[in-house]
Amino acid sequence: TIILMRFSFGPSEIPQWKREQFPD
């Protein structure tokens, strides 16, 4: 099962400030 969202379950190489700008 896949959960598609603007947040990651685990660690990410993308900086947090940039992830917070992702659209829902």
PDB file of all heavy atoms in Angstrom:
ATOM      1  N   THR A   1       0.826  -1.201   0.000  1.00  0.00           N
ATOM      2  CA  THR A   1       0.000   0.000   0.000  1.00  0.00           C
ATOM      3  C   THR A   1       0.869   1.264   0.000  1.00  0.00           C
ATOM      4  O   THR A   1       1.882   1.340   0.690  1.00  0.00           O
ATOM      5  CB  THR A   1      -0.934   0.013   1.223  1.00  0.00           C
ATOM      6  OG1 THR A   1      -1.786  -1.132   1.175  1.00  0.00           O
ATOM      7  CG2 THR A   1      -1.796   1.270   1.243  1.00  0.00           C
ATOM      8  N   ILE A   2       0.446   2.247  -0.790  1.00  0.00           N
ATOM      9  CA  ILE A   2       1.186   3.509  -0.944  1.00  0.00           C
ATOM     10  C   ILE A   2       0.353   4.648  -0.375  1.00  0.00           C
ATOM     11  O   ILE A   2      -0.863   4.714  -0.608  1.00  0.00           O
ATOM     12  CB  ILE A   2       1.493   3.772  -2.424  1.00  0.00           C
ATOM     13  CG1 ILE A   2       2.476   2.727  -2.955  1.00  0.00           C
ATOM     14  CG2 ILE A   2       2.034   5.179  -2.642  1.00  0.00           C
ATOM     15  CD1 ILE A   2       2.550   2.686  -4.463  1.00  0.00           C
ATOM     16  N   ILE A   3       1.007   5.534   0.373  1.00  0.00           N
ATOM     17  CA  ILE A   3       0.342   6.728   0.887  1.00  0.00           C
ATOM     18  C   ILE A   3       1.036   7.937   0.259  1.00  0.00           C
ATOM     19  O   ILE A   3       2.207   8.199   0.516  1.00  0.00           O
ATOM     20  CB  ILE A   3       0.394   6.799   2.419  1.00  0.00           C
ATOM     21  CG1 ILE A   3      -0.279   5.550   3.009  1.00  0.00           C
ATOM     22  CG2 ILE A   3      -0.298   8.065   2.924  1.00  0.00           C
ATOM     23  CD1 ILE A   3      -0.231   5.474   4.512  1.00  0.00           C
ATOM     24  N   LEU A   4       0.294   8.634  -0.577  1.00  0.00           N
ATOM     25  CA  LEU A   4       0.820   9.777  -1.321  1.00  0.00           C
ATOM     26  C   LEU A   4       0.457  11.063  -0.578  1.00  0.00           C
ATOM     27  O   LEU A   4      -0.721  11.335  -0.324  1.00  0.00           O
ATOM     28  CB  LEU A   4       0.223   9.778  -2.733  1.00  0.00           C
ATOM     29  CG  LEU A   4       0.742  10.798  -3.736  1.00  0.00           C
ATOM     30  CD1 LEU A   4       2.203  10.539  -4.073  1.00  0.00           C
ATOM     31  CD2 LEU A   4      -0.115  10.740  -5.010  1.00  0.00           C
ATOM     32  N   MET A   5       1.470  11.833  -0.192  1.00  0.00           N
ATOM     33  CA  MET A   5       1.232  13.075   0.551  1.00  0.00           C
ATOM     34  C   MET A   5       2.442  13.996   0.408  1.00  0.00           C
ATOM     35  O   MET A   5       3.420  13.645  -0.247  1.00  0.00           O
ATOM     36  CB  MET A   5       0.969  12.767   2.027  1.00  0.00           C
ATOM     37  CG  MET A   5       2.098  11.983   2.696  1.00  0.00           C
ATOM     38  SD  MET A   5       1.873  11.743   4.481  1.00  0.00           S
ATOM     39  CE  MET A   5       0.451  10.681   4.517  1.00  0.00           C
ATOM     40  N   ARG A   6       2.375  15.154   1.040  1.00  0.00           N
ATOM     41  CA  ARG A   6       3.496  16.088   0.931  1.00  0.00           C
ATOM     42  C   ARG A   6       4.533  15.893   2.034  1.00  0.00           C
ATOM     43  O   ARG A   6       5.507  16.644   2.103  1.00  0.00           O
ATOM     44  CB  ARG A   6       2.993  17.533   0.936  1.00  0.00           C
ATOM     45  CG  ARG A   6       2.401  18.039   2.239  1.00  0.00           C
ATOM     46  CD  ARG A   6       1.861  19.451   2.032  1.00  0.00           C
ATOM     47  NE  ARG A   6       1.352  20.045   3.250  1.00  0.00           N
ATOM     48  CZ  ARG A   6       2.063  20.851   4.040  1.00  0.00           C
ATOM     49  NH1 ARG A   6       3.318  21.130   3.742  1.00  0.00           N
ATOM     50  NH2 ARG A   6       1.516  21.386   5.112  1.00  0.00           N
ATOM     51  N   PHE A   7       4.343  14.888   2.877  1.00  0.00           N
ATOM     52  CA  PHE A   7       5.314  14.561   3.920  1.00  0.00           C
ATOM     53  C   PHE A   7       5.859  13.161   3.704  1.00  0.00           C
ATOM     54  O   PHE A   7       5.205  12.301   3.088  1.00  0.00           O
ATOM     55  CB  PHE A   7       4.674  14.648   5.308  1.00  0.00           C
ATOM     56  CG  PHE A   7       4.273  16.036   5.705  1.00  0.00           C
ATOM     57  CD1 PHE A   7       2.940  16.346   5.924  1.00  0.00           C
ATOM     58  CD2 PHE A   7       5.227  17.031   5.857  1.00  0.00           C
ATOM     59  CE1 PHE A   7       2.557  17.619   6.292  1.00  0.00           C
ATOM     60  CE2 PHE A   7       4.857  18.312   6.220  1.00  0.00           C
ATOM     61  CZ  PHE A   7       3.520  18.616   6.438  1.00  0.00           C
ATOM     62  N   SER A   8       7.052  12.925   4.248  1.00  0.00           N
ATOM     63  CA  SER A   8       7.701  11.619   4.113  1.00  0.00           C
ATOM     64  C   SER A   8       7.631  10.856   5.426  1.00  0.00           C
ATOM     65  O   SER A   8       7.724  11.446   6.509  1.00  0.00           O
ATOM     66  CB  SER A   8       9.167  11.802   3.701  1.00  0.00           C
ATOM     67  OG  SER A   8       9.855  10.578   3.733  1.00  0.00           O
ATOM     68  N   PHE A   9       7.452   9.536   5.347  1.00  0.00           N
ATOM     69  CA  PHE A   9       7.474   8.687   6.537  1.00  0.00           C
ATOM     70  C   PHE A   9       8.859   8.671   7.187  1.00  0.00           C
ATOM     71  O   PHE A   9       8.989   8.644   8.397  1.00  0.00           O
ATOM     72  CB  PHE A   9       7.088   7.254   6.173  1.00  0.00           C
ATOM     73  CG  PHE A   9       5.608   7.039   6.033  1.00  0.00           C
ATOM     74  CD1 PHE A   9       5.113   5.816   5.613  1.00  0.00           C
ATOM     75  CD2 PHE A   9       4.715   8.053   6.328  1.00  0.00           C
ATOM     76  CE1 PHE A   9       3.746   5.607   5.497  1.00  0.00           C
ATOM     77  CE2 PHE A   9       3.353   7.855   6.214  1.00  0.00           C
ATOM     78  CZ  PHE A   9       2.867   6.625   5.784  1.00  0.00           C
ATOM     79  N   GLY A  10       9.880   8.674   6.363  1.00  0.00           N
ATOM     80  CA  GLY A  10      11.244   8.560   6.860  1.00  0.00           C
ATOM     81  C   GLY A  10      12.055   9.808   6.566  1.00  0.00           C
ATOM     82  O   GLY A  10      11.528  10.850   6.141  1.00  0.00           O
ATOM     83  N   PRO A  11      13.368   9.730   6.809  1.00  0.00           N
ATOM     84  CA  PRO A  11      14.236  10.875   6.532  1.00  0.00           C
ATOM     85  C   PRO A  11      14.284  11.191   5.039  1.00  0.00           C
ATOM     86  O   PRO A  11      14.115  10.314   4.196  1.00  0.00           O
ATOM     87  CB  PRO A  11      15.603  10.414   7.059  1.00  0.00           C
ATOM     88  CG  PRO A  11      15.532   8.920   7.073  1.00  0.00           C
ATOM     89  CD  PRO A  11      14.108   8.576   7.349  1.00  0.00           C
ATOM     90  N   SER A  12      14.541  12.449   4.722  1.00  0.00           N
ATOM     91  CA  SER A  12      14.570  12.888   3.328  1.00  0.00           C
ATOM     92  C   SER A  12      15.787  13.780   3.100  1.00  0.00           C
ATOM     93  O   SER A  12      16.234  14.499   4.002  1.00  0.00           O
ATOM     94  CB  SER A  12      13.289  13.647   2.971  1.00  0.00           C
ATOM     95  OG  SER A  12      13.388  14.240   1.705  1.00  0.00           O
ATOM     96  N   GLU A  13      16.335  13.727   1.866  1.00  0.00           N
ATOM     97  CA  GLU A  13      17.469  14.583   1.516  1.00  0.00           C
ATOM     98  C   GLU A  13      17.024  16.013   1.215  1.00  0.00           C
ATOM     99  O   GLU A  13      17.848  16.924   1.161  1.00  0.00           O
ATOM    100  CB  GLU A  13      18.189  14.003   0.291  1.00  0.00           C
ATOM    101  CG  GLU A  13      18.803  12.624   0.530  1.00  0.00           C
ATOM    102  CD  GLU A  13      19.454  12.065  -0.713  1.00  0.00           C
ATOM    103  OE1 GLU A  13      19.348  12.723  -1.767  1.00  0.00           O
ATOM    104  OE2 GLU A  13      20.057  10.982  -0.623  1.00  0.00           O
ATOM    105  N   ILE A  14      15.732  16.205   1.037  1.00  0.00           N
ATOM    106  CA  ILE A  14      15.210  17.541   0.741  1.00  0.00           C
ATOM    107  C   ILE A  14      15.133  18.346   2.038  1.00  0.00           C
ATOM    108  O   ILE A  14      14.602  17.856   3.036  1.00  0.00           O
ATOM    109  CB  ILE A  14      13.821  17.441   0.085  1.00  0.00           C
ATOM    110  CG1 ILE A  14      13.897  16.603  -1.197  1.00  0.00           C
ATOM    111  CG2 ILE A  14      13.264  18.819  -0.226  1.00  0.00           C
ATOM    112  CD1 ILE A  14      12.556  16.311  -1.818  1.00  0.00           C
ATOM    113  N   PRO A  15      15.659  19.555   2.060  1.00  0.00           N
ATOM    114  CA  PRO A  15      15.616  20.375   3.284  1.00  0.00           C
ATOM    115  C   PRO A  15      14.190  20.591   3.783  1.00  0.00           C
ATOM    116  O   PRO A  15      13.243  20.648   2.986  1.00  0.00           O
ATOM    117  CB  PRO A  15      16.265  21.699   2.848  1.00  0.00           C
ATOM    118  CG  PRO A  15      17.035  21.376   1.614  1.00  0.00           C
ATOM    119  CD  PRO A  15      16.311  20.252   0.948  1.00  0.00           C
ATOM    120  N   GLN A  16      14.056  20.732   5.091  1.00  0.00           N
ATOM    121  CA  GLN A  16      12.735  20.878   5.678  1.00  0.00           C
ATOM    122  C   GLN A  16      12.018  22.125   5.180  1.00  0.00           C
ATOM    123  O   GLN A  16      10.812  22.094   4.922  1.00  0.00           O
ATOM    124  CB  GLN A  16      12.837  20.907   7.199  1.00  0.00           C
ATOM    125  CG  GLN A  16      11.471  20.964   7.885  1.00  0.00           C
ATOM    126  CD  GLN A  16      11.574  20.885   9.392  1.00  0.00           C
ATOM    127  OE1 GLN A  16      12.635  20.613   9.930  1.00  0.00           O
ATOM    128  NE2 GLN A  16      10.478  21.133  10.071  1.00  0.00           N
ATOM    129  N   TRP A  17      12.755  23.238   5.032  1.00  0.00           N
ATOM    130  CA  TRP A  17      12.111  24.473   4.589  1.00  0.00           C
ATOM    131  C   TRP A  17      11.485  24.315   3.211  1.00  0.00           C
ATOM    132  O   TRP A  17      10.445  24.915   2.913  1.00  0.00           O
ATOM    133  CB  TRP A  17      13.128  25.628   4.574  1.00  0.00           C
ATOM    134  CG  TRP A  17      14.250  25.481   3.571  1.00  0.00           C
ATOM    135  CD1 TRP A  17      15.469  24.941   3.785  1.00  0.00           C
ATOM    136  CD2 TRP A  17      14.218  25.869   2.186  1.00  0.00           C
ATOM    137  NE1 TRP A  17      16.229  24.957   2.633  1.00  0.00           N
ATOM    138  CE2 TRP A  17      15.483  25.542   1.635  1.00  0.00           C
ATOM    139  CE3 TRP A  17      13.258  26.472   1.372  1.00  0.00           C
ATOM    140  CZ2 TRP A  17      15.812  25.784   0.314  1.00  0.00           C
ATOM    141  CZ3 TRP A  17      13.587  26.717   0.042  1.00  0.00           C
ATOM    142  CH2 TRP A  17      14.842  26.377  -0.475  1.00  0.00           C
ATOM    143  N   LYS A  18      12.132  23.474   2.375  1.00  0.00           N
ATOM    144  CA  LYS A  18      11.600  23.261   1.033  1.00  0.00           C
ATOM    145  C   LYS A  18      10.403  22.320   1.067  1.00  0.00           C
ATOM    146  O   LYS A  18       9.426  22.507   0.332  1.00  0.00           O
ATOM    147  CB  LYS A  18      12.699  22.684   0.137  1.00  0.00           C
ATOM    148  CG  LYS A  18      12.358  22.714  -1.340  1.00  0.00           C
ATOM    149  CD  LYS A  18      13.586  22.433  -2.191  1.00  0.00           C
ATOM    150  CE  LYS A  18      13.275  22.631  -3.668  1.00  0.00           C
ATOM    151  NZ  LYS A  18      14.472  22.424  -4.514  1.00  0.00           N
ATOM    152  N   ARG A  19      10.468  21.299   1.942  1.00  0.00           N
ATOM    153  CA  ARG A  19       9.341  20.366   2.059  1.00  0.00           C
ATOM    154  C   ARG A  19       8.084  21.072   2.547  1.00  0.00           C
ATOM    155  O   ARG A  19       6.970  20.717   2.156  1.00  0.00           O
ATOM    156  CB  ARG A  19       9.704  19.230   3.027  1.00  0.00           C
ATOM    157  CG  ARG A  19      10.586  18.147   2.405  1.00  0.00           C
ATOM    158  CD  ARG A  19      10.901  17.074   3.404  1.00  0.00           C
ATOM    159  NE  ARG A  19      12.018  17.455   4.268  1.00  0.00           N
ATOM    160  CZ  ARG A  19      12.228  16.976   5.480  1.00  0.00           C
ATOM    161  NH1 ARG A  19      11.371  16.142   6.002  1.00  0.00           N
ATOM    162  NH2 ARG A  19      13.270  17.344   6.183  1.00  0.00           N
ATOM    163  N   GLU A  20       8.266  22.052   3.425  1.00  0.00           N
ATOM    164  CA  GLU A  20       7.110  22.778   3.965  1.00  0.00           C
ATOM    165  C   GLU A  20       6.394  23.600   2.900  1.00  0.00           C
ATOM    166  O   GLU A  20       5.246  24.014   3.100  1.00  0.00           O
ATOM    167  CB  GLU A  20       7.563  23.675   5.116  1.00  0.00           C
ATOM    168  CG  GLU A  20       7.977  22.882   6.361  1.00  0.00           C
ATOM    169  CD  GLU A  20       8.521  23.778   7.455  1.00  0.00           C
ATOM    170  OE1 GLU A  20       8.744  24.985   7.175  1.00  0.00           O
ATOM    171  OE2 GLU A  20       8.720  23.280   8.576  1.00  0.00           O
ATOM    172  N   GLN A  21       7.063  23.830   1.769  1.00  0.00           N
ATOM    173  CA  GLN A  21       6.440  24.581   0.679  1.00  0.00           C
ATOM    174  C   GLN A  21       5.711  23.680  -0.322  1.00  0.00           C
ATOM    175  O   GLN A  21       5.062  24.183  -1.236  1.00  0.00           O
ATOM    176  CB  GLN A  21       7.513  25.402  -0.058  1.00  0.00           C
ATOM    177  CG  GLN A  21       8.183  26.465   0.803  1.00  0.00           C
ATOM    178  CD  GLN A  21       9.307  27.190   0.087  1.00  0.00           C
ATOM    179  OE1 GLN A  21       9.644  26.857  -1.055  1.00  0.00           O
ATOM    180  NE2 GLN A  21       9.890  28.181   0.731  1.00  0.00           N
ATOM    181  N   PHE A  22       5.835  22.364  -0.150  1.00  0.00           N
ATOM    182  CA  PHE A  22       5.156  21.450  -1.072  1.00  0.00           C
ATOM    183  C   PHE A  22       3.639  21.597  -0.946  1.00  0.00           C
ATOM    184  O   PHE A  22       3.114  21.770   0.162  1.00  0.00           O
ATOM    185  CB  PHE A  22       5.541  20.000  -0.769  1.00  0.00           C
ATOM    186  CG  PHE A  22       6.955  19.644  -1.160  1.00  0.00           C
ATOM    187  CD1 PHE A  22       7.474  18.390  -0.848  1.00  0.00           C
ATOM    188  CD2 PHE A  22       7.765  20.530  -1.845  1.00  0.00           C
ATOM    189  CE1 PHE A  22       8.769  18.038  -1.195  1.00  0.00           C
ATOM    190  CE2 PHE A  22       9.056  20.196  -2.208  1.00  0.00           C
ATOM    191  CZ  PHE A  22       9.560  18.950  -1.878  1.00  0.00           C
ATOM    192  N   PRO A  23       2.923  21.505  -2.078  1.00  0.00           N
ATOM    193  CA  PRO A  23       1.458  21.581  -2.018  1.00  0.00           C
ATOM    194  C   PRO A  23       0.851  20.266  -1.523  1.00  0.00           C
ATOM    195  O   PRO A  23       1.436  19.193  -1.689  1.00  0.00           O
ATOM    196  CB  PRO A  23       1.074  21.838  -3.475  1.00  0.00           C
ATOM    197  CG  PRO A  23       2.170  21.189  -4.263  1.00  0.00           C
ATOM    198  CD  PRO A  23       3.427  21.373  -3.455  1.00  0.00           C
ATOM    199  N   ASP A  24      -0.303  20.371  -0.905  1.00  0.00           N
ATOM    200  CA  ASP A  24      -1.039  19.161  -0.516  1.00  0.00           C
ATOM    201  C   ASP A  24      -1.569  18.453  -1.758  1.00  0.00           C
ATOM    202  O   ASP A  24      -1.805  19.084  -2.794  1.00  0.00           O
ATOM    203  CB  ASP A  24      -2.219  19.523   0.388  1.00  0.00           C
ATOM    204  CG  ASP A  24      -1.788  19.806   1.818  1.00  0.00           C
ATOM    205  OD1 ASP A  24      -0.908  19.082   2.312  1.00  0.00           O
ATOM    206  OD2 ASP A  24      -2.332  20.749   2.428  1.00  0.00           O
TER     207      ASP A  24
END
